N, C-alpha and C. Protein backbone atom coordinates (compact mmCIF):
# COMPACT_ATOMS: atom_id res chain seq x y z
N MET A 1 -5.84 -1.75 2.46
CA MET A 1 -5.63 -2.93 1.65
C MET A 1 -6.73 -3.94 1.97
N GLY A 2 -7.53 -4.23 1.02
CA GLY A 2 -8.63 -5.17 1.22
C GLY A 2 -8.24 -6.56 0.80
N ALA A 3 -9.10 -7.52 1.13
CA ALA A 3 -8.84 -8.91 0.73
C ALA A 3 -10.16 -9.56 0.34
N SER A 4 -10.09 -10.45 -0.62
CA SER A 4 -11.25 -11.27 -0.98
C SER A 4 -10.74 -12.65 -1.35
N GLU A 5 -11.64 -13.60 -1.38
CA GLU A 5 -11.27 -15.01 -1.57
C GLU A 5 -11.87 -15.52 -2.88
N PRO A 6 -11.07 -15.57 -4.00
CA PRO A 6 -11.59 -16.16 -5.23
C PRO A 6 -11.56 -17.69 -5.15
N ALA A 7 -11.90 -18.33 -6.26
CA ALA A 7 -11.92 -19.80 -6.30
C ALA A 7 -10.58 -20.38 -5.89
N GLY A 8 -10.60 -21.60 -5.36
CA GLY A 8 -9.38 -22.23 -4.87
C GLY A 8 -8.99 -21.59 -3.55
N HIS A 9 -7.71 -21.62 -3.25
CA HIS A 9 -7.23 -21.03 -2.00
C HIS A 9 -6.51 -19.72 -2.24
N PHE A 10 -6.69 -19.13 -3.41
CA PHE A 10 -6.11 -17.81 -3.67
C PHE A 10 -6.82 -16.76 -2.84
N GLU A 11 -6.04 -15.80 -2.37
CA GLU A 11 -6.62 -14.63 -1.74
C GLU A 11 -6.18 -13.45 -2.59
N SER A 12 -7.08 -12.53 -2.82
CA SER A 12 -6.78 -11.36 -3.63
C SER A 12 -6.72 -10.13 -2.74
N TRP A 13 -5.61 -9.39 -2.83
CA TRP A 13 -5.42 -8.19 -2.03
C TRP A 13 -5.44 -6.97 -2.92
N THR A 14 -6.02 -5.89 -2.44
CA THR A 14 -5.96 -4.61 -3.11
C THR A 14 -5.12 -3.67 -2.25
N PHE A 15 -4.72 -2.54 -2.85
CA PHE A 15 -3.79 -1.65 -2.16
C PHE A 15 -4.33 -0.22 -2.14
N ALA A 16 -4.38 0.35 -0.94
CA ALA A 16 -4.82 1.73 -0.78
C ALA A 16 -3.91 2.65 -1.59
N GLY A 17 -4.53 3.59 -2.28
CA GLY A 17 -3.75 4.56 -3.05
C GLY A 17 -3.29 4.03 -4.40
N LEU A 18 -3.56 2.77 -4.70
CA LEU A 18 -3.15 2.18 -5.98
C LEU A 18 -4.36 1.47 -6.60
N PRO A 19 -5.33 2.25 -7.08
CA PRO A 19 -6.54 1.62 -7.63
C PRO A 19 -6.23 0.70 -8.79
N GLY A 20 -6.91 -0.45 -8.79
CA GLY A 20 -6.74 -1.41 -9.87
C GLY A 20 -5.59 -2.38 -9.67
N LYS A 21 -4.72 -2.11 -8.71
CA LYS A 21 -3.59 -3.02 -8.44
C LYS A 21 -4.04 -4.10 -7.47
N THR A 22 -3.73 -5.35 -7.81
CA THR A 22 -4.08 -6.47 -6.95
C THR A 22 -2.88 -7.40 -6.80
N LEU A 23 -2.94 -8.20 -5.78
CA LEU A 23 -1.96 -9.26 -5.57
C LEU A 23 -2.73 -10.51 -5.18
N HIS A 24 -2.58 -11.57 -5.96
CA HIS A 24 -3.18 -12.85 -5.63
C HIS A 24 -2.11 -13.70 -4.95
N VAL A 25 -2.48 -14.30 -3.82
CA VAL A 25 -1.53 -15.06 -3.02
C VAL A 25 -2.13 -16.43 -2.73
N ILE A 26 -1.28 -17.45 -2.77
CA ILE A 26 -1.72 -18.82 -2.47
C ILE A 26 -0.59 -19.55 -1.73
N LEU A 27 -0.97 -20.40 -0.83
CA LEU A 27 -0.03 -21.21 -0.07
C LEU A 27 -0.05 -22.64 -0.59
N PHE A 28 1.14 -23.14 -0.91
CA PHE A 28 1.30 -24.54 -1.29
C PHE A 28 2.16 -25.22 -0.24
N THR A 29 1.78 -26.41 0.19
CA THR A 29 2.58 -27.18 1.13
C THR A 29 3.03 -28.48 0.47
N HIS A 30 4.06 -29.05 1.04
CA HIS A 30 4.60 -30.32 0.55
C HIS A 30 4.89 -30.26 -0.95
N VAL A 31 5.58 -29.18 -1.35
CA VAL A 31 5.90 -28.95 -2.75
C VAL A 31 7.03 -29.89 -3.16
N THR A 32 6.84 -30.58 -4.27
CA THR A 32 7.81 -31.59 -4.71
C THR A 32 8.72 -31.12 -5.84
N ASN A 33 8.47 -29.94 -6.41
CA ASN A 33 9.29 -29.48 -7.53
C ASN A 33 10.00 -28.16 -7.26
N CYS A 34 10.42 -27.94 -6.02
CA CYS A 34 11.10 -26.68 -5.67
C CYS A 34 12.43 -26.50 -6.42
N LYS A 35 13.16 -27.58 -6.60
CA LYS A 35 14.44 -27.48 -7.32
C LYS A 35 14.19 -26.98 -8.75
N GLU A 36 13.21 -27.55 -9.40
CA GLU A 36 12.85 -27.15 -10.77
C GLU A 36 12.38 -25.69 -10.79
N LEU A 37 11.56 -25.30 -9.81
CA LEU A 37 11.06 -23.93 -9.74
C LEU A 37 12.19 -22.94 -9.52
N GLN A 38 13.14 -23.30 -8.65
CA GLN A 38 14.29 -22.44 -8.40
C GLN A 38 15.10 -22.25 -9.69
N SER A 39 15.32 -23.31 -10.43
CA SER A 39 16.05 -23.21 -11.71
C SER A 39 15.31 -22.30 -12.68
N LYS A 40 14.00 -22.44 -12.76
CA LYS A 40 13.21 -21.60 -13.66
C LYS A 40 13.26 -20.13 -13.25
N VAL A 41 13.20 -19.88 -11.95
CA VAL A 41 13.27 -18.50 -11.46
C VAL A 41 14.63 -17.89 -11.84
N LYS A 42 15.70 -18.61 -11.57
CA LYS A 42 17.05 -18.10 -11.87
C LYS A 42 17.25 -17.85 -13.36
N ALA A 43 16.62 -18.67 -14.20
CA ALA A 43 16.76 -18.52 -15.65
C ALA A 43 15.73 -17.53 -16.22
N GLY A 44 14.84 -17.02 -15.38
CA GLY A 44 13.81 -16.10 -15.85
C GLY A 44 12.78 -16.77 -16.74
N GLU A 45 12.52 -18.05 -16.48
CA GLU A 45 11.62 -18.83 -17.32
C GLU A 45 10.28 -19.15 -16.67
N VAL A 46 9.94 -18.48 -15.59
CA VAL A 46 8.66 -18.74 -14.93
C VAL A 46 7.58 -17.96 -15.67
N GLU A 47 6.58 -18.69 -16.12
CA GLU A 47 5.47 -18.08 -16.85
C GLU A 47 4.17 -18.54 -16.23
N PRO A 48 3.35 -17.66 -15.71
CA PRO A 48 3.53 -16.21 -15.64
C PRO A 48 4.57 -15.86 -14.58
N GLU A 49 5.08 -14.64 -14.65
CA GLU A 49 6.07 -14.19 -13.66
C GLU A 49 5.42 -14.20 -12.28
N LEU A 50 6.17 -14.66 -11.28
CA LEU A 50 5.65 -14.83 -9.93
C LEU A 50 6.67 -14.42 -8.89
N ALA A 51 6.18 -14.16 -7.69
CA ALA A 51 7.03 -14.08 -6.51
C ALA A 51 6.82 -15.39 -5.76
N MET A 52 7.88 -16.15 -5.57
CA MET A 52 7.79 -17.41 -4.83
C MET A 52 8.57 -17.25 -3.53
N LEU A 53 7.85 -17.31 -2.43
CA LEU A 53 8.44 -17.11 -1.11
C LEU A 53 8.49 -18.43 -0.35
N ASN A 54 9.60 -18.65 0.32
CA ASN A 54 9.73 -19.79 1.22
C ASN A 54 8.79 -19.54 2.40
N ALA A 55 7.69 -20.25 2.47
CA ALA A 55 6.67 -20.01 3.49
C ALA A 55 7.21 -20.20 4.91
N ALA A 56 8.27 -20.97 5.05
CA ALA A 56 8.83 -21.22 6.39
C ALA A 56 9.38 -19.95 7.02
N VAL A 57 9.72 -18.95 6.22
CA VAL A 57 10.32 -17.72 6.76
C VAL A 57 9.42 -16.50 6.59
N VAL A 58 8.14 -16.73 6.40
CA VAL A 58 7.18 -15.62 6.34
C VAL A 58 6.59 -15.46 7.74
N ALA A 59 6.99 -14.39 8.41
CA ALA A 59 6.57 -14.18 9.80
C ALA A 59 5.07 -13.96 9.92
N ASP A 60 4.47 -13.34 8.90
CA ASP A 60 3.05 -13.04 8.94
C ASP A 60 2.63 -12.55 7.55
N LEU A 61 1.39 -12.73 7.20
CA LEU A 61 0.91 -12.24 5.90
C LEU A 61 0.99 -10.72 5.80
N PHE A 62 0.90 -10.04 6.92
CA PHE A 62 1.00 -8.57 6.90
C PHE A 62 2.38 -8.14 6.39
N VAL A 63 3.41 -8.91 6.70
CA VAL A 63 4.75 -8.60 6.21
C VAL A 63 4.77 -8.70 4.68
N VAL A 64 4.09 -9.68 4.13
CA VAL A 64 4.01 -9.84 2.67
C VAL A 64 3.25 -8.65 2.07
N ARG A 65 2.16 -8.25 2.70
CA ARG A 65 1.40 -7.10 2.21
C ARG A 65 2.26 -5.84 2.16
N ILE A 66 3.01 -5.61 3.21
CA ILE A 66 3.86 -4.42 3.27
C ILE A 66 4.97 -4.52 2.21
N ALA A 67 5.57 -5.69 2.05
CA ALA A 67 6.61 -5.87 1.02
C ALA A 67 6.04 -5.62 -0.37
N ALA A 68 4.81 -6.06 -0.61
CA ALA A 68 4.15 -5.86 -1.90
C ALA A 68 3.84 -4.37 -2.11
N GLN A 69 3.32 -3.71 -1.09
CA GLN A 69 3.03 -2.28 -1.18
C GLN A 69 4.30 -1.50 -1.48
N GLN A 70 5.38 -1.87 -0.83
CA GLN A 70 6.67 -1.21 -1.05
C GLN A 70 7.16 -1.46 -2.48
N ALA A 71 7.00 -2.67 -2.98
CA ALA A 71 7.42 -2.98 -4.36
C ALA A 71 6.61 -2.15 -5.36
N LEU A 72 5.32 -2.04 -5.14
CA LEU A 72 4.48 -1.23 -6.04
C LEU A 72 4.88 0.24 -6.00
N ALA A 73 5.17 0.74 -4.81
CA ALA A 73 5.59 2.15 -4.68
C ALA A 73 6.92 2.38 -5.40
N GLN A 74 7.86 1.43 -5.25
CA GLN A 74 9.14 1.57 -5.93
C GLN A 74 8.97 1.52 -7.44
N GLN A 75 8.08 0.66 -7.91
CA GLN A 75 7.82 0.58 -9.35
C GLN A 75 7.22 1.90 -9.85
N GLN A 76 6.28 2.44 -9.10
CA GLN A 76 5.62 3.69 -9.48
C GLN A 76 6.63 4.84 -9.58
N ARG A 77 7.64 4.83 -8.71
CA ARG A 77 8.68 5.87 -8.74
C ARG A 77 9.79 5.56 -9.75
N GLY A 78 9.73 4.37 -10.38
CA GLY A 78 10.78 3.97 -11.31
C GLY A 78 12.08 3.63 -10.59
N LYS A 79 11.98 3.11 -9.38
CA LYS A 79 13.15 2.86 -8.54
C LYS A 79 13.29 1.40 -8.11
N LEU A 80 12.88 0.45 -8.97
CA LEU A 80 13.06 -0.96 -8.62
C LEU A 80 14.54 -1.26 -8.47
N ILE A 81 14.89 -2.00 -7.45
CA ILE A 81 16.28 -2.40 -7.22
C ILE A 81 16.58 -3.70 -7.97
N THR A 82 15.55 -4.53 -8.13
CA THR A 82 15.71 -5.81 -8.82
C THR A 82 15.19 -5.67 -10.26
N LYS A 83 15.14 -6.78 -10.98
CA LYS A 83 14.77 -6.75 -12.39
C LYS A 83 13.27 -6.69 -12.65
N SER A 84 12.45 -7.03 -11.66
CA SER A 84 11.01 -7.06 -11.89
C SER A 84 10.24 -6.78 -10.60
N LEU A 85 8.97 -6.49 -10.78
CA LEU A 85 8.10 -6.22 -9.64
C LEU A 85 8.00 -7.42 -8.71
N HIS A 86 7.91 -8.62 -9.28
CA HIS A 86 7.79 -9.83 -8.46
C HIS A 86 9.08 -10.13 -7.70
N ALA A 87 10.21 -9.90 -8.35
CA ALA A 87 11.49 -10.07 -7.67
C ALA A 87 11.63 -9.04 -6.55
N GLU A 88 11.11 -7.86 -6.77
CA GLU A 88 11.17 -6.80 -5.76
C GLU A 88 10.39 -7.20 -4.50
N LEU A 89 9.27 -7.88 -4.69
CA LEU A 89 8.51 -8.35 -3.54
C LEU A 89 9.36 -9.30 -2.69
N VAL A 90 10.03 -10.25 -3.34
CA VAL A 90 10.89 -11.19 -2.60
C VAL A 90 12.01 -10.42 -1.88
N TYR A 91 12.65 -9.50 -2.59
CA TYR A 91 13.73 -8.70 -2.01
C TYR A 91 13.23 -7.90 -0.81
N ASN A 92 12.03 -7.36 -0.91
CA ASN A 92 11.48 -6.53 0.16
C ASN A 92 11.08 -7.32 1.40
N MET A 93 11.11 -8.63 1.33
CA MET A 93 10.84 -9.46 2.51
C MET A 93 12.04 -9.48 3.44
N SER A 94 13.18 -9.07 2.96
CA SER A 94 14.43 -9.19 3.70
C SER A 94 14.80 -7.91 4.43
N GLY A 95 15.50 -8.07 5.52
CA GLY A 95 16.06 -6.93 6.24
C GLY A 95 17.45 -6.60 5.74
N SER A 96 17.91 -7.28 4.71
CA SER A 96 19.25 -7.09 4.16
C SER A 96 19.20 -6.34 2.84
N ARG A 97 20.24 -5.61 2.53
CA ARG A 97 20.36 -4.92 1.24
C ARG A 97 21.01 -5.83 0.19
N HIS A 98 21.43 -7.01 0.58
CA HIS A 98 22.09 -7.94 -0.34
C HIS A 98 21.03 -8.72 -1.10
N ILE A 99 20.95 -8.46 -2.39
CA ILE A 99 19.90 -9.06 -3.21
C ILE A 99 19.99 -10.58 -3.22
N SER A 100 21.18 -11.11 -3.48
CA SER A 100 21.31 -12.57 -3.56
C SER A 100 20.99 -13.23 -2.22
N GLU A 101 21.41 -12.62 -1.13
CA GLU A 101 21.09 -13.16 0.20
C GLU A 101 19.58 -13.15 0.42
N SER A 102 18.93 -12.09 -0.01
CA SER A 102 17.47 -11.99 0.13
C SER A 102 16.77 -13.11 -0.62
N PHE A 103 17.21 -13.37 -1.85
CA PHE A 103 16.59 -14.43 -2.65
C PHE A 103 16.89 -15.81 -2.08
N ASN A 104 18.11 -16.01 -1.60
CA ASN A 104 18.47 -17.31 -1.02
C ASN A 104 17.67 -17.62 0.24
N ARG A 105 17.43 -16.60 1.04
CA ARG A 105 16.71 -16.82 2.30
C ARG A 105 15.20 -16.83 2.15
N PHE A 106 14.68 -15.92 1.33
CA PHE A 106 13.23 -15.72 1.30
C PHE A 106 12.55 -16.24 0.04
N GLY A 107 13.34 -16.55 -1.00
CA GLY A 107 12.77 -17.08 -2.23
C GLY A 107 12.72 -18.59 -2.23
N VAL A 108 12.25 -19.13 -3.35
CA VAL A 108 12.19 -20.58 -3.51
C VAL A 108 13.61 -21.13 -3.54
N SER A 109 13.81 -22.26 -2.88
CA SER A 109 15.11 -22.92 -2.89
C SER A 109 14.89 -24.43 -2.99
N GLU A 110 15.97 -25.11 -3.25
CA GLU A 110 15.94 -26.56 -3.39
C GLU A 110 15.36 -27.24 -2.15
N SER A 111 15.64 -26.66 -0.99
CA SER A 111 15.24 -27.28 0.27
C SER A 111 13.85 -26.85 0.76
N CYS A 112 13.19 -25.95 0.04
CA CYS A 112 11.83 -25.52 0.44
C CYS A 112 10.88 -26.71 0.45
N GLN A 113 9.95 -26.65 1.34
CA GLN A 113 8.87 -27.62 1.36
C GLN A 113 7.52 -26.95 1.14
N HIS A 114 7.46 -25.67 1.53
CA HIS A 114 6.20 -24.93 1.49
C HIS A 114 6.45 -23.58 0.82
N LEU A 115 5.57 -23.20 -0.10
CA LEU A 115 5.73 -21.95 -0.85
C LEU A 115 4.50 -21.06 -0.73
N LEU A 116 4.76 -19.79 -0.56
CA LEU A 116 3.73 -18.77 -0.69
C LEU A 116 3.99 -18.14 -2.05
N VAL A 117 3.04 -18.25 -2.95
CA VAL A 117 3.22 -17.79 -4.33
C VAL A 117 2.31 -16.59 -4.55
N ALA A 118 2.86 -15.53 -5.17
CA ALA A 118 2.11 -14.30 -5.38
C ALA A 118 2.25 -13.82 -6.82
N ARG A 119 1.17 -13.24 -7.32
CA ARG A 119 1.15 -12.69 -8.68
C ARG A 119 0.39 -11.36 -8.66
N PHE A 120 1.05 -10.29 -9.10
CA PHE A 120 0.39 -9.00 -9.23
C PHE A 120 -0.54 -9.02 -10.44
N ASP A 121 -1.71 -8.42 -10.28
CA ASP A 121 -2.66 -8.20 -11.37
C ASP A 121 -2.91 -9.45 -12.21
N ALA A 122 -3.19 -10.54 -11.54
CA ALA A 122 -3.34 -11.85 -12.20
C ALA A 122 -4.66 -11.96 -12.95
N GLU A 123 -4.57 -12.57 -14.11
CA GLU A 123 -5.74 -12.94 -14.90
C GLU A 123 -6.13 -14.37 -14.49
N PRO A 124 -7.40 -14.76 -14.70
CA PRO A 124 -7.82 -16.12 -14.33
C PRO A 124 -6.94 -17.22 -14.95
N THR A 125 -6.51 -17.05 -16.19
CA THR A 125 -5.67 -18.07 -16.83
C THR A 125 -4.30 -18.17 -16.14
N GLN A 126 -3.81 -17.04 -15.63
CA GLN A 126 -2.53 -17.05 -14.92
C GLN A 126 -2.66 -17.76 -13.58
N LEU A 127 -3.79 -17.59 -12.92
CA LEU A 127 -4.02 -18.29 -11.65
C LEU A 127 -4.05 -19.80 -11.88
N GLU A 128 -4.67 -20.19 -12.97
CA GLU A 128 -4.72 -21.61 -13.32
C GLU A 128 -3.31 -22.13 -13.64
N ALA A 129 -2.52 -21.32 -14.33
CA ALA A 129 -1.14 -21.70 -14.67
C ALA A 129 -0.30 -21.89 -13.40
N ILE A 130 -0.56 -21.09 -12.38
CA ILE A 130 0.18 -21.21 -11.12
C ILE A 130 -0.11 -22.56 -10.48
N THR A 131 -1.37 -22.94 -10.45
CA THR A 131 -1.72 -24.21 -9.82
C THR A 131 -1.19 -25.39 -10.62
N ASP A 132 -0.99 -25.21 -11.93
CA ASP A 132 -0.39 -26.26 -12.75
C ASP A 132 1.13 -26.32 -12.56
N LEU A 133 1.74 -25.16 -12.33
CA LEU A 133 3.20 -25.06 -12.22
C LEU A 133 3.74 -25.63 -10.91
N VAL A 134 3.09 -25.31 -9.81
CA VAL A 134 3.58 -25.72 -8.49
C VAL A 134 2.96 -27.06 -8.11
N LYS A 135 3.81 -28.03 -7.86
CA LYS A 135 3.35 -29.38 -7.51
C LYS A 135 3.32 -29.51 -5.98
N GLY A 136 2.20 -29.14 -5.42
CA GLY A 136 2.03 -29.20 -3.97
C GLY A 136 0.56 -29.12 -3.62
N GLN A 137 0.28 -29.15 -2.33
CA GLN A 137 -1.09 -29.11 -1.85
C GLN A 137 -1.49 -27.67 -1.53
N GLN A 138 -2.58 -27.21 -2.10
CA GLN A 138 -3.07 -25.87 -1.80
C GLN A 138 -3.66 -25.85 -0.39
N GLN A 139 -3.33 -24.79 0.32
CA GLN A 139 -3.84 -24.63 1.69
C GLN A 139 -4.40 -23.22 1.85
N PRO A 140 -5.36 -23.05 2.75
CA PRO A 140 -5.84 -21.69 3.03
C PRO A 140 -4.71 -20.87 3.67
N LEU A 141 -4.66 -19.59 3.36
CA LEU A 141 -3.62 -18.73 3.92
C LEU A 141 -3.68 -18.69 5.44
N SER A 142 -4.84 -18.91 5.98
CA SER A 142 -4.99 -18.89 7.44
C SER A 142 -4.16 -19.97 8.13
N SER A 143 -3.69 -20.96 7.38
CA SER A 143 -2.88 -22.03 7.96
C SER A 143 -1.37 -21.76 7.85
N LEU A 144 -0.98 -20.59 7.37
CA LEU A 144 0.45 -20.28 7.15
C LEU A 144 1.30 -20.53 8.40
N GLN A 145 0.85 -20.08 9.55
CA GLN A 145 1.66 -20.20 10.78
C GLN A 145 2.01 -21.65 11.12
N THR A 146 1.22 -22.58 10.63
CA THR A 146 1.49 -24.01 10.84
C THR A 146 2.80 -24.43 10.17
N PHE A 147 3.17 -23.72 9.12
CA PHE A 147 4.32 -24.12 8.30
C PHE A 147 5.53 -23.20 8.45
N THR A 148 5.48 -22.26 9.38
CA THR A 148 6.61 -21.35 9.56
C THR A 148 7.62 -21.94 10.55
N ASP A 149 8.86 -21.52 10.37
CA ASP A 149 9.96 -21.94 11.24
C ASP A 149 10.40 -20.71 12.04
N LYS A 150 9.86 -20.58 13.23
CA LYS A 150 10.10 -19.39 14.04
C LYS A 150 11.58 -19.17 14.35
N ALA A 151 12.31 -20.24 14.57
CA ALA A 151 13.75 -20.11 14.85
C ALA A 151 14.49 -19.56 13.64
N LEU A 152 14.12 -20.00 12.46
CA LEU A 152 14.76 -19.52 11.23
C LEU A 152 14.39 -18.06 10.96
N ILE A 153 13.15 -17.70 11.21
CA ILE A 153 12.72 -16.30 11.06
C ILE A 153 13.52 -15.43 12.02
N GLN A 154 13.65 -15.88 13.25
CA GLN A 154 14.39 -15.13 14.26
C GLN A 154 15.86 -14.97 13.83
N LYS A 155 16.44 -16.01 13.27
CA LYS A 155 17.83 -15.97 12.81
C LYS A 155 17.98 -15.01 11.62
N TYR A 156 17.13 -15.13 10.62
CA TYR A 156 17.26 -14.31 9.40
C TYR A 156 17.04 -12.83 9.67
N TYR A 157 16.12 -12.51 10.57
CA TYR A 157 15.86 -11.10 10.89
C TYR A 157 16.70 -10.61 12.07
N LYS A 158 17.50 -11.50 12.66
CA LYS A 158 18.34 -11.16 13.81
C LYS A 158 17.51 -10.54 14.93
N VAL A 159 16.46 -11.26 15.31
CA VAL A 159 15.53 -10.80 16.34
C VAL A 159 16.04 -11.26 17.70
N SER A 160 16.19 -10.32 18.61
CA SER A 160 16.67 -10.65 19.95
C SER A 160 15.49 -11.04 20.85
N PRO A 161 15.76 -11.79 21.90
CA PRO A 161 14.68 -12.14 22.85
C PRO A 161 14.01 -10.90 23.44
N ASN A 162 14.79 -9.82 23.64
CA ASN A 162 14.21 -8.59 24.18
C ASN A 162 13.18 -7.98 23.22
N GLU A 163 13.43 -8.10 21.93
CA GLU A 163 12.47 -7.57 20.95
C GLU A 163 11.14 -8.32 21.05
N LEU A 164 11.22 -9.61 21.32
CA LEU A 164 10.00 -10.42 21.41
C LEU A 164 9.24 -10.18 22.72
N LYS A 165 9.89 -9.53 23.67
CA LYS A 165 9.20 -9.18 24.92
C LYS A 165 8.27 -7.99 24.72
N VAL A 166 8.57 -7.16 23.71
CA VAL A 166 7.77 -5.95 23.51
C VAL A 166 6.92 -5.98 22.23
N GLY A 167 7.07 -7.03 21.43
CA GLY A 167 6.30 -7.14 20.19
C GLY A 167 6.33 -8.56 19.66
N THR A 168 5.70 -8.73 18.53
CA THR A 168 5.63 -10.05 17.90
C THR A 168 6.80 -10.25 16.94
N MET A 169 6.92 -11.47 16.44
CA MET A 169 7.93 -11.77 15.43
C MET A 169 7.66 -10.94 14.17
N ALA A 170 6.39 -10.79 13.81
CA ALA A 170 6.04 -9.98 12.64
C ALA A 170 6.43 -8.52 12.85
N ASP A 171 6.22 -7.99 14.05
CA ASP A 171 6.64 -6.62 14.35
C ASP A 171 8.14 -6.47 14.14
N ALA A 172 8.89 -7.41 14.67
CA ALA A 172 10.36 -7.36 14.56
C ALA A 172 10.78 -7.44 13.10
N ALA A 173 10.15 -8.32 12.33
CA ALA A 173 10.48 -8.44 10.90
C ALA A 173 10.20 -7.13 10.18
N LEU A 174 9.07 -6.53 10.45
CA LEU A 174 8.73 -5.26 9.80
C LEU A 174 9.71 -4.15 10.17
N PHE A 175 10.13 -4.11 11.41
CA PHE A 175 11.11 -3.11 11.82
C PHE A 175 12.44 -3.31 11.10
N LYS A 176 12.86 -4.55 10.97
CA LYS A 176 14.13 -4.84 10.28
C LYS A 176 14.06 -4.46 8.81
N ILE A 177 12.92 -4.75 8.18
CA ILE A 177 12.74 -4.40 6.77
C ILE A 177 12.75 -2.88 6.60
N ALA A 178 12.03 -2.18 7.49
CA ALA A 178 11.98 -0.72 7.40
C ALA A 178 13.34 -0.10 7.67
N ALA A 179 14.08 -0.66 8.61
CA ALA A 179 15.39 -0.12 8.97
C ALA A 179 16.42 -0.31 7.85
N ARG A 180 16.20 -1.28 6.99
CA ARG A 180 17.13 -1.55 5.88
C ARG A 180 17.32 -0.31 5.02
N ASP A 181 16.28 0.44 4.82
CA ASP A 181 16.33 1.58 3.91
C ASP A 181 16.68 2.89 4.60
N CYS A 182 17.04 2.83 5.87
CA CYS A 182 17.40 4.06 6.60
C CYS A 182 18.86 4.42 6.39
């Protein structure tokens, strides 16, 4: 999976084994319209369709990459659990099989302050629409850890102190996500 940096703070990711598939990701902080965005997501009125993640509970960008790769693989097999590829990305961030719980914890919510927004196979006009839609400050993805809530990540993934002795929070999150499907 490669990465490149287009205009703005978007990062574009490619996926091994899936030529032509990309994911554009951007971090917004101090978002002022999360309640409106949550309503639009629930009503299916977000244009263009997006995955909106609560940045506070993203353990690492690698977790997002793996969730996206998994969503693409499920789409390719015709086995999406949710209604869309972007919703599948949000669902795949969770270690739980409960769809609504996954969206409540990892998706946009009224109380979000920081959002990681992703769009598969984005066109330049769609990237512009994203920056118009989300009312917040664009930040480089490298600053994500500044806005994460480690205690909340630990709670949502049920990470024990012993797990953190042998690996990182991102490792624990990935293990929980992988174990969900076992």
